[in-house]
Amino acid sequence: MAKPKMTLMGAAKHSVKGWGAVLTGGLLLAVLALIDLPAGGTTPAGATADGSTGCQLQVTAAELRVRSGPSINTDPLETLTQGTVVDGTTEITDGFRRLEGDRWAANEFLVPVAGTAC
């Protein structure tokens, strides 16, 4: 039995289908990645501070939950990752520091960035 010859036109037809599938798959994965974010989201390092409060703090824990109030019994709003810099205030209540936007995080896992007024 003779094998059918592969022509240039035949190869091009298969390539287009293959690349079309790759592009479609890539778009689908990008959409799924956006949908799969946690409810509160996870903030990448360095993404939240703009210096508006004059006090910038860096997260030292691998993950730090930001809460709606100064207690572990309040609702978690988001999770910050180690190295993230956030805008904060000088107010500390029950071991929690107030962050910009009336958010709170455990002060023991926040260190002031050099040159800021914390």
C-alpha atoms as a PDB file:
ATOM      1  CA  MET A   1       0.000   0.000   0.000  1.00  0.00           C
ATOM      2  CA  ALA A   2       1.307   3.369  -0.954  1.00  0.00           C
ATOM      3  CA  LYS A   3       1.135   6.169   1.564  1.00  0.00           C
ATOM      4  CA  PRO A   4      -0.578   9.337   0.372  1.00  0.00           C
ATOM      5  CA  LYS A   5       1.832  12.165  -0.351  1.00  0.00           C
ATOM      6  CA  MET A   6       1.732  15.178   1.907  1.00  0.00           C
ATOM      7  CA  THR A   7       1.591  18.300  -0.186  1.00  0.00           C
ATOM      8  CA  LEU A   8       2.321  21.845   0.866  1.00  0.00           C
ATOM      9  CA  MET A   9      -1.371  22.741   0.653  1.00  0.00           C
ATOM     10  CA  GLY A  10      -2.263  19.759   2.809  1.00  0.00           C
ATOM     11  CA  ALA A  11       0.292  20.783   5.462  1.00  0.00           C
ATOM     12  CA  ALA A  12      -1.005  24.371   5.485  1.00  0.00           C
ATOM     13  CA  LYS A  13      -4.560  23.184   6.083  1.00  0.00           C
ATOM     14  CA  HIS A  14      -3.475  21.142   9.102  1.00  0.00           C
ATOM     15  CA  SER A  15      -1.335  23.997  10.495  1.00  0.00           C
ATOM     16  CA  VAL A  16      -4.154  26.505  10.390  1.00  0.00           C
ATOM     17  CA  LYS A  17      -6.413  24.167  12.335  1.00  0.00           C
ATOM     18  CA  GLY A  18      -3.641  23.514  14.841  1.00  0.00           C
ATOM     19  CA  TRP A  19      -2.868  27.190  15.424  1.00  0.00           C
ATOM     20  CA  GLY A  20      -6.555  28.012  15.606  1.00  0.00           C
ATOM     21  CA  ALA A  21      -6.897  25.451  18.385  1.00  0.00           C
ATOM     22  CA  VAL A  22      -3.853  26.871  20.187  1.00  0.00           C
ATOM     23  CA  LEU A  23      -5.226  30.423  20.043  1.00  0.00           C
ATOM     24  CA  THR A  24      -8.679  29.316  21.159  1.00  0.00           C
ATOM     25  CA  GLY A  25      -7.184  27.324  24.024  1.00  0.00           C
ATOM     26  CA  GLY A  26      -5.031  30.280  25.086  1.00  0.00           C
ATOM     27  CA  LEU A  27      -8.008  32.622  25.150  1.00  0.00           C
ATOM     28  CA  LEU A  28     -10.039  30.101  27.119  1.00  0.00           C
ATOM     29  CA  LEU A  29      -7.260  29.698  29.709  1.00  0.00           C
ATOM     30  CA  ALA A  30      -6.930  33.483  30.074  1.00  0.00           C
ATOM     31  CA  VAL A  31     -10.657  33.840  30.734  1.00  0.00           C
ATOM     32  CA  LEU A  32     -10.610  30.973  33.234  1.00  0.00           C
ATOM     33  CA  ALA A  33      -7.655  32.538  35.070  1.00  0.00           C
ATOM     34  CA  LEU A  34      -9.601  35.782  35.472  1.00  0.00           C
ATOM     35  CA  ILE A  35     -12.707  33.976  36.687  1.00  0.00           C
ATOM     36  CA  ASP A  36     -10.741  31.793  39.126  1.00  0.00           C
ATOM     37  CA  LEU A  37      -9.503  34.658  41.330  1.00  0.00           C
ATOM     38  CA  PRO A  38     -10.482  34.258  44.997  1.00  0.00           C
ATOM     39  CA  ALA A  39     -13.499  36.268  46.182  1.00  0.00           C
ATOM     40  CA  GLY A  40     -11.312  38.824  47.940  1.00  0.00           C
ATOM     41  CA  GLY A  41      -8.502  38.452  45.459  1.00  0.00           C
ATOM     42  CA  THR A  42      -4.821  38.108  46.132  1.00  0.00           C
ATOM     43  CA  THR A  43      -2.737  41.193  45.679  1.00  0.00           C
ATOM     44  CA  PRO A  44       0.640  40.779  43.994  1.00  0.00           C
ATOM     45  CA  ALA A  45       3.716  42.310  45.595  1.00  0.00           C
ATOM     46  CA  GLY A  46       3.963  46.076  45.310  1.00  0.00           C
ATOM     47  CA  ALA A  47       0.579  46.594  43.693  1.00  0.00           C
ATOM     48  CA  THR A  48      -1.409  48.580  46.271  1.00  0.00           C
ATOM     49  CA  ALA A  49       0.619  51.509  47.644  1.00  0.00           C
ATOM     50  CA  ASP A  50       0.439  54.990  46.152  1.00  0.00           C
ATOM     51  CA  GLY A  51       1.819  56.901  49.165  1.00  0.00           C
ATOM     52  CA  SER A  52      -1.413  58.797  49.758  1.00  0.00           C
ATOM     53  CA  THR A  53      -1.353  58.308  53.561  1.00  0.00           C
ATOM     54  CA  GLY A  54       2.334  59.085  54.076  1.00  0.00           C
ATOM     55  CA  CYS A  55       2.773  55.679  55.750  1.00  0.00           C
ATOM     56  CA  GLN A  56       3.762  52.710  53.641  1.00  0.00           C
ATOM     57  CA  LEU A  57       4.076  49.223  55.087  1.00  0.00           C
ATOM     58  CA  GLN A  58       5.603  46.052  53.666  1.00  0.00           C
ATOM     59  CA  VAL A  59       4.071  42.619  54.332  1.00  0.00           C
ATOM     60  CA  THR A  60       6.477  40.154  55.969  1.00  0.00           C
ATOM     61  CA  ALA A  61       4.172  37.098  56.165  1.00  0.00           C
ATOM     62  CA  ALA A  62       3.774  34.678  53.249  1.00  0.00           C
ATOM     63  CA  GLU A  63       0.071  35.577  53.241  1.00  0.00           C
ATOM     64  CA  LEU A  64      -1.647  38.266  55.306  1.00  0.00           C
ATOM     65  CA  ARG A  65      -5.423  38.558  55.526  1.00  0.00           C
ATOM     66  CA  VAL A  66      -6.826  42.055  55.369  1.00  0.00           C
ATOM     67  CA  ARG A  67     -10.023  42.389  57.400  1.00  0.00           C
ATOM     68  CA  SER A  68     -12.985  44.724  57.710  1.00  0.00           C
ATOM     69  CA  GLY A  69     -12.187  45.487  61.363  1.00  0.00           C
ATOM     70  CA  PRO A  70      -9.451  45.108  64.009  1.00  0.00           C
ATOM     71  CA  SER A  71     -10.256  41.506  64.970  1.00  0.00           C
ATOM     72  CA  ILE A  72      -9.833  37.982  63.630  1.00  0.00           C
ATOM     73  CA  ASN A  73     -13.614  37.693  63.963  1.00  0.00           C
ATOM     74  CA  THR A  74     -14.293  40.288  61.247  1.00  0.00           C
ATOM     75  CA  ASP A  75     -14.766  39.463  57.583  1.00  0.00           C
ATOM     76  CA  PRO A  76     -11.635  38.909  55.482  1.00  0.00           C
ATOM     77  CA  LEU A  77     -11.535  41.284  52.501  1.00  0.00           C
ATOM     78  CA  GLU A  78      -8.411  40.173  50.661  1.00  0.00           C
ATOM     79  CA  THR A  79      -5.074  38.416  51.087  1.00  0.00           C
ATOM     80  CA  LEU A  80      -1.757  40.204  50.642  1.00  0.00           C
ATOM     81  CA  THR A  81       1.411  38.324  49.753  1.00  0.00           C
ATOM     82  CA  GLN A  82       4.908  38.737  51.189  1.00  0.00           C
ATOM     83  CA  GLY A  83       6.683  41.822  49.889  1.00  0.00           C
ATOM     84  CA  THR A  84       3.496  43.717  49.050  1.00  0.00           C
ATOM     85  CA  VAL A  85       3.657  47.405  50.004  1.00  0.00           C
ATOM     86  CA  VAL A  86       0.407  48.975  51.232  1.00  0.00           C
ATOM     87  CA  ASP A  87      -0.658  52.404  52.438  1.00  0.00           C
ATOM     88  CA  GLY A  88      -1.443  52.455  56.144  1.00  0.00           C
ATOM     89  CA  THR A  89      -2.027  54.733  59.097  1.00  0.00           C
ATOM     90  CA  THR A  90      -0.466  55.103  62.535  1.00  0.00           C
ATOM     91  CA  GLU A  91      -3.621  53.756  64.215  1.00  0.00           C
ATOM     92  CA  ILE A  92      -3.182  50.363  65.911  1.00  0.00           C
ATOM     93  CA  THR A  93      -6.065  48.670  67.764  1.00  0.00           C
ATOM     94  CA  ASP A  94      -5.758  45.286  69.487  1.00  0.00           C
ATOM     95  CA  GLY A  95      -2.670  44.423  67.424  1.00  0.00           C
ATOM     96  CA  PHE A  96      -4.286  45.392  64.107  1.00  0.00           C
ATOM     97  CA  ARG A  97      -3.147  48.358  62.012  1.00  0.00           C
ATOM     98  CA  ARG A  98      -5.626  50.415  60.030  1.00  0.00           C
ATOM     99  CA  LEU A  99      -4.810  50.454  56.345  1.00  0.00           C
ATOM    100  CA  GLU A 100      -6.064  52.856  53.709  1.00  0.00           C
ATOM    101  CA  GLY A 101      -9.730  52.329  52.856  1.00  0.00           C
ATOM    102  CA  ASP A 102     -10.796  51.329  56.401  1.00  0.00           C
ATOM    103  CA  ARG A 103      -9.119  47.926  56.119  1.00  0.00           C
ATOM    104  CA  TRP A 104      -7.194  46.232  58.924  1.00  0.00           C
ATOM    105  CA  ALA A 105      -4.281  43.768  59.095  1.00  0.00           C
ATOM    106  CA  ALA A 106      -2.186  42.213  61.881  1.00  0.00           C
ATOM    107  CA  ASN A 107       0.509  44.764  62.706  1.00  0.00           C
ATOM    108  CA  GLU A 108       3.106  42.097  63.603  1.00  0.00           C
ATOM    109  CA  PHE A 109       3.370  41.197  59.898  1.00  0.00           C
ATOM    110  CA  LEU A 110       3.796  44.774  58.651  1.00  0.00           C
ATOM    111  CA  VAL A 111       7.038  46.778  58.696  1.00  0.00           C
ATOM    112  CA  PRO A 112       7.281  50.470  57.814  1.00  0.00           C
ATOM    113  CA  VAL A 113       9.040  51.282  54.564  1.00  0.00           C
ATOM    114  CA  ALA A 114      12.119  53.446  55.176  1.00  0.00           C
ATOM    115  CA  GLY A 115      11.412  57.141  54.771  1.00  0.00           C
ATOM    116  CA  THR A 116       7.676  56.949  55.465  1.00  0.00           C
ATOM    117  CA  ALA A 117       5.867  58.383  58.501  1.00  0.00           C
ATOM    118  CA  CYS A 118       4.411  55.397  60.318  1.00  0.00           C
END
